[in-house]
Structures are given as structure tokens and as C-alpha cells.
């Protein structure tokens, strides 16, 4: 297993992530925060017509509260895209210091310290049940220990365990964090990589989770990964997964991506499998894929699977072929 990190691969991966994956950034909220705690809003009052003050009670510190029982969170209610504390709910709060802003507003030091919410989507999740067993709190504590100086090896091991066996509320976040951190990926032990690959290939229900694990393995450039991922094409018929496999194949093998996926075609009997593999070939967006699909288009005539694959390919020739079919 080789650890090769390229900015090009990472940029391609991030730019093409499904919206459902891009939307959640709990890991970034925790990492960017000065204070993270399970807390609830217990008071609210306007400071003026632009700023509202929320009194937030600390129920359990993750890091940064320094033993305080409560803090004040500034809120700008006129901002439409903005997180704000919600009353009577125990939530994980990721807060950044706002003492400078509070001083500029003339707020009394006695009501501080003052904070504002970090604002990353998904960074203010609801926390229910026993907090000592809550997966969101557990995930936050892993990051807190890392920020406090825990070794990369122990942090990577904990995150890999969450990514493979963790609760649905945090397992994608753990996989994404490992994808973004080369320093953590390179110290994951070989047995854990085997578990990650096994879960990536075996998962059939949670497609965004499957994609997150596949892209984590891709960033590590694991040998034989595309062949392993291609086995799920068909059993997992979601187009998002086929596109993911196509992107990964292109990032890892360039113009050879199409040939690796094409090897599966002669052995397929289920039409659904054929559709998924051809779609993944189209998603590689390679010249070799285009040549194959145009050849199949000419030989097969009206073929919905080939048409779907051509629609995935972003070249002008593929778009023209799809347009000719519609006309």
C-alpha cells in the first residue's frame, strides 16, 4: 500500500463530491472552534435591532470552556444564511471567540465571554441520550484529543474505527477528515486499511457513505482499488456511485481507466450491471472511453446503457452523439 498525495487528485475529488457530502462539515466546525461543548440556550435578549444575545449553558465541555457554566453567543438575526442557538435543545456548539466584536458593540465584560457560531453546515448537531455514549460527542472528543497533542497514530486509528464501524451521524465525517489529512492517512495500519476497503466494497445501502470510503481509499492510492470498487457496479445501481468509480479510475490510472473497467463487460449477464459499468466508463471522461462508447453506439444501435454512458462523458463528441439519438 503506497501513500501518494497529489493536489490534483484532491482537487478533483473535492470539486466533484455529491452535494450531500459537501453539505456536512462538522469536522471543520470542531477544528476551527475556540470552544466546543454540549450546551443549550437558556436565555435570549436583543442588544439592538441588529444583534441578539443568547445565553448558552455549558452541559459538557469538549474543549475551551475553562470551567465556565455559561457563555454569551452573538447572533445577527437579519442575516438569512446564519446559524443561531435554538432554545431548549441540547446541541453540540462549535464557537469562535467574539470578545473583540463585543467590545466594539459596547457589551459589558460581566456578561462574557462572548462567542459566535462557526457557521459550518452540520456543526451544530442535536445531542440526545447518554452523552458519554453519544457518537457526535465521541467524534468531537477525538478531534479535541488531537488538538491537545495526541499522537497522529492514535488519532488515525480512532478515526478509522469510526469510519468503518461508527454511527451514521459521524462515519462520513471521519472518512472525510482522513481523506483531507495525509499525515493521518500515512500512519493507518495495514489491517485497518483492509477493513476500510472491505467496507467500501461491501456497503450497499448508504451510497454517500460508500462514496466517502471509496474516495478515502483513492487518496491513499491503494493497489487494485478500482477492480475492488467495480465489483459493486450493478449491485449498487445509484448513478452517483458509478460516477465516483469513474472519477477514481481516471485519477488513479489516467487513460488506462477505461480498460480496467471494460474488463468487466464480457462477464456481465445482468442488464443493470452493464448499465452501471458503462456509466462508470463514461464518467472517466477519457479519450479511450469515448472511443469505446462511440464504437458501441455505432454497433449496438439504440442502446439505453450506451446512451447513459455517453451522457456521463463531458466531451463535445459524446454530447453530440446523445443529441443525435434524441433527434
Protein backbone atom coordinates (compact mmCIF):
# COMPACT_ATOMS: atom_id res chain seq x y z
CA UNK A 1 0.00 0.00 0.00
CA UNK A 2 1.55 3.25 -1.13
CA UNK A 3 0.85 6.70 0.23
CA UNK A 4 0.99 9.16 -2.67
CA UNK A 5 -0.69 12.50 -2.19
CA UNK A 6 -1.40 14.77 -5.16
CA UNK A 7 -3.10 18.12 -5.09
CA UNK A 8 -4.63 17.37 -8.47
CA UNK A 9 -6.38 14.24 -7.23
CA UNK A 10 -7.62 16.01 -4.11
CA UNK A 11 -8.92 18.98 -6.08
CA UNK A 12 -10.74 16.66 -8.48
CA UNK A 13 -12.26 14.72 -5.63
CA UNK A 14 -13.44 17.75 -3.67
CA UNK A 15 -14.83 19.54 -6.71
CA UNK A 16 -16.96 16.58 -7.70
CA UNK A 17 -18.27 15.49 -4.32
CA UNK A 18 -22.03 14.97 -4.17
CA UNK A 19 -23.88 17.89 -2.60
CA UNK A 20 -24.96 15.70 0.32
CA UNK A 21 -21.33 15.16 1.26
CA UNK A 22 -20.17 18.74 0.75
CA UNK A 23 -23.05 19.96 2.93
CA UNK A 24 -21.72 18.43 6.16
CA UNK A 25 -18.65 19.97 7.77
CA UNK A 26 -18.84 19.07 11.44
CA UNK A 27 -15.14 18.17 11.38
CA UNK A 28 -14.24 21.67 10.18
CA UNK A 29 -16.52 23.30 12.70
CA UNK A 30 -14.78 21.46 15.54
CA UNK A 31 -11.31 22.14 14.16
CA UNK A 32 -11.98 25.87 13.65
CA UNK A 33 -13.62 26.44 17.04
CA UNK A 34 -12.15 28.01 20.15
CA UNK A 35 -14.79 26.34 22.32
CA UNK A 36 -16.70 23.11 21.69
CA UNK A 37 -19.29 21.91 24.17
CA UNK A 38 -22.65 20.27 24.54
CA UNK A 39 -24.85 23.17 25.55
CA UNK A 40 -28.34 24.62 25.41
CA UNK A 41 -29.75 28.09 25.05
CA UNK A 42 -31.29 29.30 28.33
CA UNK A 43 -31.85 32.98 27.60
CA UNK A 44 -32.20 35.46 24.78
CA UNK A 45 -32.44 39.22 24.55
CA UNK A 46 -31.91 41.83 21.82
CA UNK A 47 -28.94 44.15 22.11
CA UNK A 48 -30.21 46.36 19.31
CA UNK A 49 -32.15 45.92 16.09
CA UNK A 50 -29.22 44.07 14.50
CA UNK A 51 -27.69 41.94 17.28
CA UNK A 52 -29.27 39.40 19.62
CA UNK A 53 -27.56 37.92 22.67
CA UNK A 54 -28.10 34.26 23.55
CA UNK A 55 -27.12 32.92 26.94
CA UNK A 56 -25.87 29.36 26.46
CA UNK A 57 -25.44 26.94 29.36
CA UNK A 58 -22.49 24.53 29.14
CA UNK A 59 -23.67 20.98 29.84
CA UNK A 60 -20.45 19.18 28.93
CA UNK A 61 -17.14 20.66 27.87
CA UNK A 62 -15.22 19.15 24.97
CA UNK A 63 -12.56 21.84 24.97
CA UNK A 64 -12.21 25.56 25.57
CA UNK A 65 -14.83 26.36 28.20
CA UNK A 66 -12.25 26.60 31.02
CA UNK A 67 -14.84 25.51 33.57
CA UNK A 68 -17.37 28.23 32.74
CA UNK A 69 -21.01 27.38 33.38
CA UNK A 70 -22.33 29.62 30.60
CA UNK A 71 -21.24 31.92 27.77
CA UNK A 72 -22.94 34.51 25.57
CA UNK A 73 -23.34 33.88 21.86
CA UNK A 74 -23.79 36.81 19.47
CA UNK A 75 -26.37 36.44 16.74
CA UNK A 76 -27.22 38.60 13.74
CA UNK A 77 -30.85 37.59 13.03
CA UNK A 78 -31.13 39.70 9.89
CA UNK A 79 -28.56 37.50 8.17
CA UNK A 80 -30.52 34.89 6.26
CA UNK A 81 -27.70 32.33 5.97
CA UNK A 82 -26.66 32.05 9.56
CA UNK A 83 -26.66 29.53 12.41
CA UNK A 84 -28.19 30.59 15.68
CA UNK A 85 -28.79 28.90 19.05
CA UNK A 86 -32.09 27.04 19.38
CA UNK A 87 -33.97 27.08 22.69
CA UNK A 88 -34.34 24.06 24.98
CA UNK A 89 -32.26 21.72 22.82
CA UNK A 90 -29.01 20.06 23.82
CA UNK A 91 -26.67 20.55 20.88
CA UNK A 92 -23.00 20.47 20.13
CA UNK A 93 -21.84 24.08 19.89
CA UNK A 94 -18.73 24.98 17.91
CA UNK A 95 -17.94 28.56 18.89
CA UNK A 96 -15.30 31.13 18.00
CA UNK A 97 -14.26 33.99 20.24
CA UNK A 98 -16.17 37.24 19.62
CA UNK A 99 -14.82 39.31 22.51
CA UNK A 100 -13.37 41.92 20.13
CA UNK A 101 -16.74 42.32 18.42
CA UNK A 102 -18.49 42.50 21.81
CA UNK A 103 -16.13 45.25 22.94
CA UNK A 104 -16.82 47.20 19.76
CA UNK A 105 -20.55 46.85 20.44
CA UNK A 106 -20.09 48.14 23.99
CA UNK A 107 -21.24 44.92 25.67
CA UNK A 108 -20.38 44.54 29.38
CA UNK A 109 -17.49 42.23 30.26
CA UNK A 110 -19.59 40.79 33.11
CA UNK A 111 -21.86 39.01 30.60
CA UNK A 112 -18.96 37.49 28.69
CA UNK A 113 -17.05 35.76 27.45
CA UNK A 114 -18.62 36.29 24.05
CA UNK A 115 -18.64 33.89 21.15
CA UNK A 116 -20.19 33.42 17.73
CA UNK A 117 -21.08 30.16 16.00
CA UNK A 118 -18.53 28.95 13.46
CA UNK A 119 -21.25 28.58 10.84
CA UNK A 120 -20.04 25.43 9.05
CA UNK A 121 -23.03 23.39 7.86
CA UNK A 122 -23.73 20.49 10.21
CA UNK A 123 -21.61 21.97 13.02
CA UNK A 124 -24.48 22.42 15.50
CA UNK A 125 -25.98 18.91 15.67
CA UNK A 126 -28.57 17.74 18.16
CA UNK A 127 -27.14 15.63 21.01
CA UNK A 128 -29.53 13.13 22.59
CA UNK A 129 -29.31 10.30 25.09
CA UNK A 130 -26.34 9.45 27.27
CA UNK A 131 -23.66 11.99 26.35
CA UNK A 132 -20.88 9.62 27.38
CA UNK A 133 -22.02 7.24 24.63
CA UNK A 134 -23.19 9.78 22.07
CA UNK A 135 -21.29 9.28 18.77
CA UNK A 136 -21.21 13.01 17.95
CA UNK A 137 -19.63 13.83 21.31
CA UNK A 138 -17.24 10.92 20.86
CA UNK A 139 -16.16 12.18 17.44
CA UNK A 140 -15.63 15.69 18.82
CA UNK A 141 -13.52 14.27 21.63
CA UNK A 142 -11.24 12.51 19.15
CA UNK A 143 -10.53 15.83 17.44
CA UNK A 144 -10.15 17.53 20.83
CA UNK A 145 -7.52 15.00 21.90
CA UNK A 146 -5.67 15.54 18.62
CA UNK A 147 -5.69 19.31 19.17
CA UNK A 148 -4.38 18.73 22.70
CA UNK A 149 -1.39 16.77 21.39
CA UNK A 150 -2.48 13.15 20.96
CA UNK A 151 -0.30 11.21 18.54
CA UNK A 152 -1.22 11.02 14.88
CA UNK A 153 -1.20 7.22 15.14
CA UNK A 154 -3.81 7.07 17.90
CA UNK A 155 -5.95 9.75 16.23
CA UNK A 156 -5.83 7.99 12.86
CA UNK A 157 -6.73 4.66 14.47
CA UNK A 158 -9.72 6.14 16.27
CA UNK A 159 -10.97 7.91 13.14
CA UNK A 160 -10.52 4.78 11.01
CA UNK A 161 -12.58 2.79 13.52
CA UNK A 162 -15.35 5.41 13.37
CA UNK A 163 -15.19 5.46 9.56
CA UNK A 164 -15.65 1.69 9.35
CA UNK A 165 -17.92 0.88 12.28
CA UNK A 166 -19.13 4.22 13.60
CA UNK A 167 -22.62 5.62 13.80
CA UNK A 168 -24.17 7.03 10.62
CA UNK A 169 -24.13 10.51 12.16
CA UNK A 170 -20.32 10.72 12.13
CA UNK A 171 -18.79 7.98 9.97
CA UNK A 172 -18.75 10.08 6.79
CA UNK A 173 -17.17 12.94 8.71
CA UNK A 174 -14.44 10.62 9.96
CA UNK A 175 -13.78 9.34 6.44
CA UNK A 176 -13.67 12.88 5.05
CA UNK A 177 -11.24 14.02 7.74
CA UNK A 178 -8.88 11.15 6.92
CA UNK A 179 -9.22 11.95 3.21
CA UNK A 180 -8.11 15.52 3.89
CA UNK A 181 -5.21 14.65 6.21
CA UNK A 182 -2.22 12.94 4.64
CA UNK A 183 -0.40 12.95 7.98
CA UNK A 184 -3.14 10.79 9.48
CA UNK A 185 -3.63 8.52 6.47
CA UNK A 186 0.03 7.54 6.30
CA UNK A 187 0.00 6.09 9.85
CA UNK A 188 -3.16 3.97 9.48
CA UNK A 189 -2.15 0.35 9.96
CA UNK A 190 -2.49 -2.12 7.09
CA UNK A 191 -5.22 -4.19 8.83
CA UNK A 192 -7.36 -1.07 9.19
CA UNK A 193 -6.87 -0.24 5.52
CA UNK A 194 -8.13 -3.73 4.71
CA UNK A 195 -11.20 -3.06 6.83
CA UNK A 196 -11.80 0.27 5.10
CA UNK A 197 -11.54 -1.29 1.65
CA UNK A 198 -13.80 -4.15 2.72
CA UNK A 199 -16.47 -1.76 3.97
CA UNK A 200 -16.14 0.43 0.87
CA UNK A 201 -16.73 -2.54 -1.42
CA UNK A 202 -19.32 -4.27 0.75
CA UNK A 203 -21.60 -1.34 1.63
CA UNK A 204 -24.79 -1.35 -0.46
CA UNK A 205 -27.34 0.74 1.44
CA UNK A 206 -25.68 4.06 2.31
CA UNK A 207 -24.33 5.33 -1.01
CA UNK A 208 -22.84 8.64 0.29
CA UNK A 209 -21.01 6.63 2.96
CA UNK A 210 -19.76 4.16 0.34
CA UNK A 211 -18.51 7.05 -1.80
CA UNK A 212 -16.74 8.67 1.15
CA UNK A 213 -14.85 5.45 1.90
CA UNK A 214 -14.04 4.91 -1.78
CA UNK A 215 -12.57 8.39 -2.06
CA UNK A 216 -10.57 7.88 1.12
CA UNK A 217 -9.04 4.73 -0.40
CA UNK A 218 -8.42 6.61 -3.64
CA UNK A 219 -6.47 9.33 -1.85
CA UNK A 220 -4.25 6.60 -0.42
CA UNK A 221 -3.72 5.17 -3.94
CA UNK A 222 -4.37 1.61 -2.81
CA UNK A 223 -3.32 -1.05 -5.29
CA UNK A 224 -6.20 -2.84 -7.03
CA UNK A 225 -8.76 -0.38 -5.69
CA UNK A 226 -10.62 0.23 -8.96
CA UNK A 227 -11.11 -3.51 -9.53
CA UNK A 228 -12.47 -3.85 -5.98
CA UNK A 229 -14.83 -0.90 -6.35
CA UNK A 230 -16.04 -2.07 -9.76
CA UNK A 231 -17.44 -5.26 -8.21
CA UNK A 232 -20.22 -3.13 -6.67
CA UNK A 233 -21.24 -1.61 -10.01
CA UNK A 234 -24.67 -3.07 -10.64
CA UNK A 235 -25.46 -4.34 -7.14
CA UNK A 236 -25.26 -0.63 -6.32
CA UNK A 237 -27.14 0.96 -9.20
CA UNK A 238 -27.11 4.54 -7.93
CA UNK A 239 -25.54 6.73 -10.67
CA UNK A 240 -23.61 8.67 -8.02
CA UNK A 241 -21.55 5.60 -7.24
CA UNK A 242 -20.83 4.85 -10.91
CA UNK A 243 -19.63 8.44 -11.34
CA UNK A 244 -17.45 8.09 -8.25
CA UNK A 245 -15.80 4.93 -9.60
CA UNK A 246 -15.23 6.62 -12.95
CA UNK A 247 -13.61 9.65 -11.32
CA UNK A 248 -11.39 7.49 -9.12
CA UNK A 249 -10.34 5.31 -12.05
CA UNK A 250 -9.36 8.43 -14.02
CA UNK A 251 -7.48 9.96 -11.08
CA UNK A 252 -5.51 6.76 -10.44
CA UNK A 253 -4.97 5.38 -13.96
CA UNK A 254 -5.47 8.24 -16.42
CA UNK A 255 -6.21 6.99 -19.94
CA UNK A 256 -5.93 3.41 -18.72
CA UNK A 257 -9.04 3.80 -16.56
CA UNK A 258 -11.46 2.72 -19.26
CA UNK A 259 -9.57 -0.50 -19.98
CA UNK A 260 -9.71 -1.56 -16.31
CA UNK A 261 -13.48 -1.11 -16.18
CA UNK A 262 -14.01 -2.56 -19.65
CA UNK A 263 -12.61 -5.90 -18.46
CA UNK A 264 -15.86 -6.48 -16.56
CA UNK A 265 -18.18 -6.10 -19.54
CA UNK A 266 -17.80 -9.57 -21.17
CA UNK A 267 -18.73 -11.35 -17.91
CA UNK A 268 -21.89 -9.37 -17.16
CA UNK A 269 -25.27 -11.03 -17.57
CA UNK A 270 -27.48 -8.66 -15.61
CA UNK A 271 -28.51 -5.60 -17.67
CA UNK A 272 -28.35 -3.44 -14.53
CA UNK A 273 -24.68 -4.37 -14.06
CA UNK A 274 -23.91 -3.44 -17.65
CA UNK A 275 -25.58 -0.04 -17.28
CA UNK A 276 -23.56 0.75 -14.15
CA UNK A 277 -20.21 -0.31 -15.63
CA UNK A 278 -20.78 1.62 -18.85
CA UNK A 279 -21.83 4.67 -16.86
CA UNK A 280 -18.60 4.46 -14.85
CA UNK A 281 -16.61 4.16 -18.10
CA UNK A 282 -18.31 7.31 -19.38
CA UNK A 283 -17.56 9.10 -16.11
CA UNK A 284 -13.81 8.56 -16.60
CA UNK A 285 -14.05 11.26 -19.29
CA UNK A 286 -11.05 9.77 -21.09
CA UNK A 287 -10.34 9.55 -24.81
CA UNK A 288 -10.23 5.77 -24.63
CA UNK A 289 -13.67 5.71 -23.02
CA UNK A 290 -15.02 8.00 -25.71
CA UNK A 291 -13.66 5.76 -28.47
CA UNK A 292 -15.23 2.68 -26.86
CA UNK A 293 -18.62 4.31 -26.35
CA UNK A 294 -18.78 5.75 -29.85
CA UNK A 295 -17.89 2.33 -31.25
CA UNK A 296 -20.61 0.67 -29.17
CA UNK A 297 -23.05 3.38 -30.17
CA UNK A 298 -22.41 2.60 -33.82
CA UNK A 299 -22.54 -1.19 -33.42
CA UNK A 300 -25.38 -1.56 -30.88
CA UNK A 301 -27.80 0.97 -32.35
CA UNK A 302 -30.41 2.14 -29.88
CA UNK A 303 -28.98 1.12 -26.51
CA UNK A 304 -30.07 2.88 -23.34
CA UNK A 305 -26.95 1.81 -21.42
CA UNK A 306 -24.60 3.25 -24.03
CA UNK A 307 -26.66 6.44 -24.19
CA UNK A 308 -26.43 6.84 -20.40
CA UNK A 309 -22.66 6.32 -20.56
CA UNK A 310 -22.28 8.90 -23.33
CA UNK A 311 -24.31 11.34 -21.23
CA UNK A 312 -21.76 10.93 -18.42
CA UNK A 313 -18.85 11.76 -20.73
CA UNK A 314 -18.27 15.50 -20.87
CA UNK A 315 -16.69 15.70 -24.33
CA UNK A 316 -18.37 17.56 -27.23
CA UNK A 317 -18.37 14.35 -29.28
CA UNK A 318 -20.28 12.45 -26.59
CA UNK A 319 -22.78 15.28 -26.21
CA UNK A 320 -23.26 15.35 -29.98
CA UNK A 321 -23.90 11.59 -30.02
CA UNK A 322 -26.55 11.92 -27.32
CA UNK A 323 -28.16 14.80 -29.20
CA UNK A 324 -28.29 12.76 -32.43
CA UNK A 325 -30.11 10.00 -30.58
CA UNK A 326 -32.72 12.43 -29.28
CA UNK A 327 -33.29 13.89 -32.73
